N, C-alpha and C. Protein backbone atom coordinates (compact mmCIF):
# COMPACT_ATOMS: atom_id res chain seq x y z
N ALA A 1 -155.64 218.45 40.54
CA ALA A 1 -154.98 218.99 39.35
C ALA A 1 -153.44 219.01 39.40
N GLY A 2 -152.90 218.75 40.59
CA GLY A 2 -151.50 218.72 40.77
C GLY A 2 -150.81 217.39 40.45
N GLY A 3 -151.57 216.49 39.97
CA GLY A 3 -150.94 215.21 39.43
C GLY A 3 -150.73 214.18 40.57
N VAL A 4 -151.52 214.17 41.63
CA VAL A 4 -151.27 213.23 42.71
C VAL A 4 -151.74 211.76 42.11
N LEU A 5 -152.81 211.63 41.47
CA LEU A 5 -153.14 210.33 40.90
C LEU A 5 -152.19 209.74 39.90
N GLU A 6 -151.69 210.64 39.10
CA GLU A 6 -150.70 210.19 38.10
C GLU A 6 -149.38 209.80 38.70
N ALA A 7 -148.96 210.59 39.65
CA ALA A 7 -147.68 210.23 40.45
C ALA A 7 -147.90 208.88 41.18
N THR A 8 -149.06 208.62 41.69
CA THR A 8 -149.28 207.39 42.41
C THR A 8 -149.23 206.30 41.41
N LEU A 9 -149.85 206.41 40.24
CA LEU A 9 -149.78 205.38 39.20
C LEU A 9 -148.30 205.13 38.80
N GLN A 10 -147.51 206.14 38.69
CA GLN A 10 -146.18 206.00 38.19
C GLN A 10 -145.35 205.31 39.39
N ALA A 11 -145.56 205.66 40.57
CA ALA A 11 -144.87 204.96 41.70
C ALA A 11 -145.24 203.54 41.89
N LEU A 12 -146.46 203.12 41.60
CA LEU A 12 -146.87 201.79 41.65
C LEU A 12 -146.17 200.97 40.59
N ALA A 13 -145.90 201.56 39.48
CA ALA A 13 -145.17 200.76 38.37
C ALA A 13 -145.90 199.51 38.02
N VAL A 14 -147.20 199.51 37.85
CA VAL A 14 -147.95 198.40 37.52
C VAL A 14 -148.77 198.70 36.18
N PRO A 15 -148.87 197.85 35.27
CA PRO A 15 -149.63 198.19 34.05
C PRO A 15 -151.11 198.55 34.37
N ALA A 16 -151.65 199.55 33.78
CA ALA A 16 -152.87 200.15 34.06
C ALA A 16 -153.99 199.06 34.04
N GLU A 17 -153.88 198.11 33.07
CA GLU A 17 -154.90 197.05 33.04
C GLU A 17 -154.88 196.03 34.19
N GLU A 18 -153.87 196.20 35.03
CA GLU A 18 -153.76 195.23 36.17
C GLU A 18 -154.24 195.96 37.52
N LEU A 19 -154.54 197.21 37.42
CA LEU A 19 -154.90 198.05 38.52
C LEU A 19 -156.41 197.96 38.79
N LEU A 20 -156.76 197.96 40.08
CA LEU A 20 -158.11 198.09 40.50
C LEU A 20 -158.13 199.30 41.47
N VAL A 21 -158.96 200.27 41.19
CA VAL A 21 -159.03 201.46 42.03
C VAL A 21 -160.31 201.59 42.75
N TRP A 22 -160.23 201.87 44.06
CA TRP A 22 -161.52 202.10 44.84
C TRP A 22 -161.49 203.57 45.30
N LEU A 23 -162.53 204.34 44.93
CA LEU A 23 -162.63 205.67 45.27
C LEU A 23 -163.46 205.69 46.67
N GLY A 24 -162.66 206.07 47.74
CA GLY A 24 -163.36 206.17 49.03
C GLY A 24 -164.10 207.48 49.31
N PRO A 25 -164.53 207.56 50.47
CA PRO A 25 -165.40 208.76 50.79
C PRO A 25 -164.63 210.06 50.54
N ALA A 26 -165.40 210.99 50.09
CA ALA A 26 -164.88 212.39 49.74
C ALA A 26 -166.03 213.38 49.72
N ILE A 27 -165.77 214.65 49.77
CA ILE A 27 -166.75 215.64 49.67
C ILE A 27 -167.44 215.34 48.27
N GLY A 28 -168.84 215.39 48.31
CA GLY A 28 -169.61 215.11 47.14
C GLY A 28 -169.77 216.31 46.20
N PRO A 29 -170.31 216.07 45.05
CA PRO A 29 -170.47 217.14 44.03
C PRO A 29 -171.57 218.15 44.45
N ALA A 30 -172.47 217.84 45.36
CA ALA A 30 -173.46 218.79 45.82
C ALA A 30 -172.93 219.63 46.93
N ALA A 31 -171.78 219.34 47.41
CA ALA A 31 -171.21 220.16 48.56
C ALA A 31 -169.88 220.82 48.27
N PHE A 32 -169.21 220.40 47.16
CA PHE A 32 -167.86 220.92 46.99
C PHE A 32 -167.82 222.10 46.01
N GLU A 33 -167.87 223.33 46.47
CA GLU A 33 -167.88 224.50 45.66
C GLU A 33 -166.47 225.06 45.42
N VAL A 34 -166.12 225.31 44.28
CA VAL A 34 -164.77 225.80 43.84
C VAL A 34 -164.88 227.08 43.02
N GLY A 35 -163.73 227.73 42.88
CA GLY A 35 -163.73 228.99 42.12
C GLY A 35 -163.38 228.56 40.67
N PRO A 36 -163.47 229.59 39.78
CA PRO A 36 -163.17 229.31 38.31
C PRO A 36 -161.72 228.89 38.03
N GLU A 37 -160.80 229.27 38.89
CA GLU A 37 -159.34 228.93 38.80
C GLU A 37 -159.20 227.43 39.01
N VAL A 38 -159.92 226.80 39.84
CA VAL A 38 -159.90 225.35 40.03
C VAL A 38 -160.39 224.66 38.75
N ARG A 39 -161.54 225.08 38.35
CA ARG A 39 -162.16 224.53 37.10
C ARG A 39 -161.11 224.60 35.91
N GLU A 40 -160.57 225.78 35.75
CA GLU A 40 -159.73 226.01 34.69
C GLU A 40 -158.43 225.17 34.73
N ALA A 41 -157.97 224.93 35.96
CA ALA A 41 -156.76 224.06 36.09
C ALA A 41 -157.05 222.65 35.63
N PHE A 42 -158.32 222.14 35.90
CA PHE A 42 -158.58 220.83 35.49
C PHE A 42 -158.81 220.78 33.93
N LEU A 43 -159.59 221.74 33.46
CA LEU A 43 -159.93 221.78 32.01
C LEU A 43 -158.68 221.98 31.12
N ALA A 44 -157.74 222.58 31.60
CA ALA A 44 -156.44 222.80 30.86
C ALA A 44 -155.70 221.43 30.71
N GLN A 45 -155.94 220.50 31.54
CA GLN A 45 -155.36 219.19 31.39
C GLN A 45 -156.19 218.10 30.69
N HIS A 46 -157.49 218.28 30.89
CA HIS A 46 -158.44 217.22 30.31
C HIS A 46 -159.76 217.98 29.89
N ALA A 47 -159.97 218.12 28.68
CA ALA A 47 -161.15 218.77 28.17
C ALA A 47 -162.46 218.04 28.69
N ALA A 48 -162.48 216.73 28.97
CA ALA A 48 -163.49 215.97 29.44
C ALA A 48 -163.99 216.41 30.80
N ALA A 49 -163.02 217.10 31.55
CA ALA A 49 -163.32 217.68 32.89
C ALA A 49 -164.45 218.52 32.97
N THR A 50 -164.96 219.07 31.91
CA THR A 50 -166.01 220.02 31.92
C THR A 50 -167.26 219.31 32.46
N GLU A 51 -167.48 217.98 32.22
CA GLU A 51 -168.52 217.16 32.72
C GLU A 51 -168.56 217.10 34.29
N ALA A 52 -167.52 217.38 34.90
CA ALA A 52 -167.35 217.25 36.38
C ALA A 52 -167.69 218.50 37.09
N PHE A 53 -168.03 219.58 36.39
CA PHE A 53 -168.37 220.91 37.04
C PHE A 53 -169.81 221.38 36.67
N ALA A 54 -170.53 221.81 37.56
CA ALA A 54 -171.75 222.43 37.28
C ALA A 54 -171.76 223.82 37.92
N PRO A 55 -172.51 224.73 37.40
CA PRO A 55 -172.66 226.07 37.96
C PRO A 55 -173.19 226.03 39.39
N SER A 56 -172.59 226.72 40.28
CA SER A 56 -173.08 226.90 41.61
C SER A 56 -174.19 227.91 41.64
N HIS A 57 -175.05 227.89 42.74
CA HIS A 57 -175.96 229.04 42.90
C HIS A 57 -175.23 230.32 43.28
N ASN A 58 -174.01 230.20 43.55
CA ASN A 58 -173.23 231.46 43.82
C ASN A 58 -172.50 231.81 42.51
N ALA A 59 -172.77 233.05 42.05
CA ALA A 59 -172.34 233.51 40.72
C ALA A 59 -170.86 233.34 40.59
N GLY A 60 -170.44 232.81 39.41
CA GLY A 60 -168.96 232.67 39.13
C GLY A 60 -168.29 231.49 39.78
N ARG A 61 -168.98 230.62 40.52
CA ARG A 61 -168.48 229.50 41.29
C ARG A 61 -168.96 228.23 40.61
N PHE A 62 -168.33 227.12 40.97
CA PHE A 62 -168.87 225.85 40.38
C PHE A 62 -168.81 224.85 41.53
N MET A 63 -169.65 223.80 41.18
CA MET A 63 -169.73 222.65 42.10
C MET A 63 -168.96 221.54 41.34
N ALA A 64 -167.95 220.95 42.09
CA ALA A 64 -167.02 219.99 41.45
C ALA A 64 -167.23 218.56 41.89
N ASP A 65 -167.22 217.70 40.97
CA ASP A 65 -167.45 216.24 41.29
C ASP A 65 -165.97 215.56 41.25
N LEU A 66 -165.43 215.44 42.49
CA LEU A 66 -164.08 214.88 42.60
C LEU A 66 -164.08 213.37 42.09
N TYR A 67 -165.14 212.70 42.26
CA TYR A 67 -165.21 211.31 41.78
C TYR A 67 -165.07 211.22 40.25
N GLN A 68 -165.76 212.13 39.57
CA GLN A 68 -165.75 212.18 38.13
C GLN A 68 -164.36 212.68 37.66
N LEU A 69 -163.81 213.64 38.35
CA LEU A 69 -162.43 214.06 37.98
C LEU A 69 -161.49 212.94 38.12
N ALA A 70 -161.61 212.15 39.16
CA ALA A 70 -160.62 211.00 39.31
C ALA A 70 -160.81 210.00 38.21
N ARG A 71 -162.07 209.69 37.86
CA ARG A 71 -162.34 208.76 36.86
C ARG A 71 -161.77 209.12 35.44
N ILE A 72 -161.91 210.42 35.20
CA ILE A 72 -161.42 210.97 33.99
C ILE A 72 -159.93 210.80 33.91
N ARG A 73 -159.24 211.25 34.92
CA ARG A 73 -157.82 211.23 34.95
C ARG A 73 -157.30 209.74 34.92
N LEU A 74 -157.92 208.94 35.61
CA LEU A 74 -157.53 207.53 35.63
C LEU A 74 -157.69 206.90 34.25
N ALA A 75 -158.81 207.12 33.62
CA ALA A 75 -159.21 206.55 32.35
C ALA A 75 -158.07 207.07 31.30
N ALA A 76 -157.68 208.30 31.42
CA ALA A 76 -156.59 208.87 30.56
C ALA A 76 -155.30 208.18 30.71
N ARG A 77 -155.14 207.46 31.76
CA ARG A 77 -153.88 206.73 31.98
C ARG A 77 -154.15 205.15 31.70
N GLY A 78 -155.40 204.88 31.24
CA GLY A 78 -155.63 203.49 30.86
C GLY A 78 -156.25 202.61 32.04
N VAL A 79 -156.58 203.28 33.13
CA VAL A 79 -157.11 202.51 34.25
C VAL A 79 -158.63 202.60 34.09
N ASN A 80 -159.25 201.36 33.86
CA ASN A 80 -160.70 201.33 33.72
C ASN A 80 -161.41 200.62 34.90
N ALA A 81 -160.66 199.87 35.71
CA ALA A 81 -161.37 199.22 36.88
C ALA A 81 -161.32 200.08 37.92
N VAL A 82 -162.39 201.03 37.99
CA VAL A 82 -162.43 202.03 39.01
C VAL A 82 -163.90 201.81 39.66
N TYR A 83 -163.83 201.67 41.00
CA TYR A 83 -165.04 201.43 41.68
C TYR A 83 -165.16 202.37 42.84
N GLY A 84 -166.30 202.42 43.57
CA GLY A 84 -166.49 203.20 44.66
C GLY A 84 -167.01 204.59 44.21
N GLY A 85 -166.88 205.51 45.09
CA GLY A 85 -167.31 206.94 44.86
C GLY A 85 -168.74 207.03 45.26
N GLY A 86 -169.24 208.27 45.43
CA GLY A 86 -170.58 208.47 45.85
C GLY A 86 -170.85 208.63 47.30
N LEU A 87 -169.82 208.48 48.09
CA LEU A 87 -170.08 208.66 49.54
C LEU A 87 -169.55 210.10 49.95
N CYS A 88 -170.49 210.96 50.24
CA CYS A 88 -170.17 212.32 50.56
C CYS A 88 -169.81 212.50 52.03
N THR A 89 -168.71 212.93 52.31
CA THR A 89 -168.22 213.09 53.75
C THR A 89 -168.91 214.34 54.35
N PHE A 90 -169.42 215.27 53.56
CA PHE A 90 -170.13 216.35 54.09
C PHE A 90 -171.51 216.01 54.45
N ALA A 91 -172.28 215.39 53.58
CA ALA A 91 -173.59 215.03 53.77
C ALA A 91 -173.88 213.82 54.65
N ASP A 92 -173.00 212.85 54.77
CA ASP A 92 -173.17 211.61 55.45
C ASP A 92 -172.48 211.74 56.80
N PRO A 93 -173.36 211.80 57.88
CA PRO A 93 -172.84 212.01 59.26
C PRO A 93 -171.95 210.80 59.79
N ARG A 94 -171.78 209.70 59.02
CA ARG A 94 -170.87 208.66 59.41
C ARG A 94 -169.46 209.05 59.19
N PHE A 95 -169.22 210.14 58.45
CA PHE A 95 -167.81 210.62 58.16
C PHE A 95 -167.55 211.87 58.73
N TYR A 96 -166.34 212.07 59.14
CA TYR A 96 -165.89 213.32 59.62
C TYR A 96 -165.80 214.41 58.51
N SER A 97 -166.24 215.59 58.65
CA SER A 97 -166.04 216.62 57.72
C SER A 97 -165.76 217.97 58.44
N TYR A 98 -164.53 218.51 58.14
CA TYR A 98 -164.27 219.86 58.76
C TYR A 98 -165.18 220.87 58.22
N ARG A 99 -165.66 220.75 56.93
CA ARG A 99 -166.64 221.72 56.48
C ARG A 99 -167.99 221.70 57.10
N ARG A 100 -168.26 220.55 57.69
CA ARG A 100 -169.55 220.39 58.44
C ARG A 100 -169.45 220.73 59.89
N THR A 101 -168.36 220.23 60.53
CA THR A 101 -168.13 220.41 61.92
C THR A 101 -166.57 220.60 62.11
N PRO A 102 -166.10 221.73 62.47
CA PRO A 102 -164.67 222.05 62.50
C PRO A 102 -163.97 221.50 63.77
N HIS A 103 -164.25 220.36 64.04
CA HIS A 103 -163.60 219.58 65.18
C HIS A 103 -162.72 218.50 64.46
N THR A 104 -161.67 218.11 65.13
CA THR A 104 -160.79 217.16 64.51
C THR A 104 -161.43 215.79 64.26
N GLY A 105 -160.97 215.11 63.27
CA GLY A 105 -161.42 213.83 62.86
C GLY A 105 -160.29 213.10 62.12
N ARG A 106 -160.43 211.88 61.84
CA ARG A 106 -159.39 211.09 61.23
C ARG A 106 -159.95 210.19 60.11
N PHE A 107 -159.18 210.02 59.09
CA PHE A 107 -159.47 209.01 57.99
C PHE A 107 -158.20 208.21 57.78
N ALA A 108 -158.33 207.06 57.30
CA ALA A 108 -157.11 206.20 56.80
C ALA A 108 -157.50 205.77 55.40
N SER A 109 -156.38 205.86 54.59
CA SER A 109 -156.50 205.29 53.19
C SER A 109 -155.44 204.25 53.11
N LEU A 110 -155.71 203.19 52.30
CA LEU A 110 -154.74 202.13 52.27
C LEU A 110 -154.51 201.88 50.71
N VAL A 111 -153.19 201.70 50.39
CA VAL A 111 -152.78 201.41 49.08
C VAL A 111 -151.79 200.22 49.15
N TRP A 112 -151.89 199.14 48.36
CA TRP A 112 -151.00 198.09 48.41
C TRP A 112 -150.83 197.34 47.11
N LEU A 113 -149.80 196.68 47.02
CA LEU A 113 -149.41 195.86 45.82
C LEU A 113 -149.48 194.37 46.16
N GLU A 114 -150.19 193.63 45.36
CA GLU A 114 -150.14 192.15 45.48
C GLU A 114 -149.29 191.58 44.40
N ARG A 115 -148.43 190.80 44.76
CA ARG A 115 -147.56 190.19 43.68
C ARG A 115 -147.80 188.68 43.64
């Protein structure tokens, strides 16, 4: 909700129709519980974000789909070539997750421009 995707798009300075986005591993919608303040922060920016939240079994909390939130925000900026998503770092033991095992682990993400 802090505008990281939007700031990245601005820094790349490439027309949206020329971008290809890959959404790498992240905590999945069945494992990422947030409070109402997080949901409200996203809804205040994009009404479509409501589809990315489902009620949690914990009263007053929500399960958030980061992949869906990213797709909504990217689409709002005209980026339609969005792939990946669906790999849950919490549920899939191939990935490190502090929420699952509070021991250190590492990830790397890559961003590049081809001219």
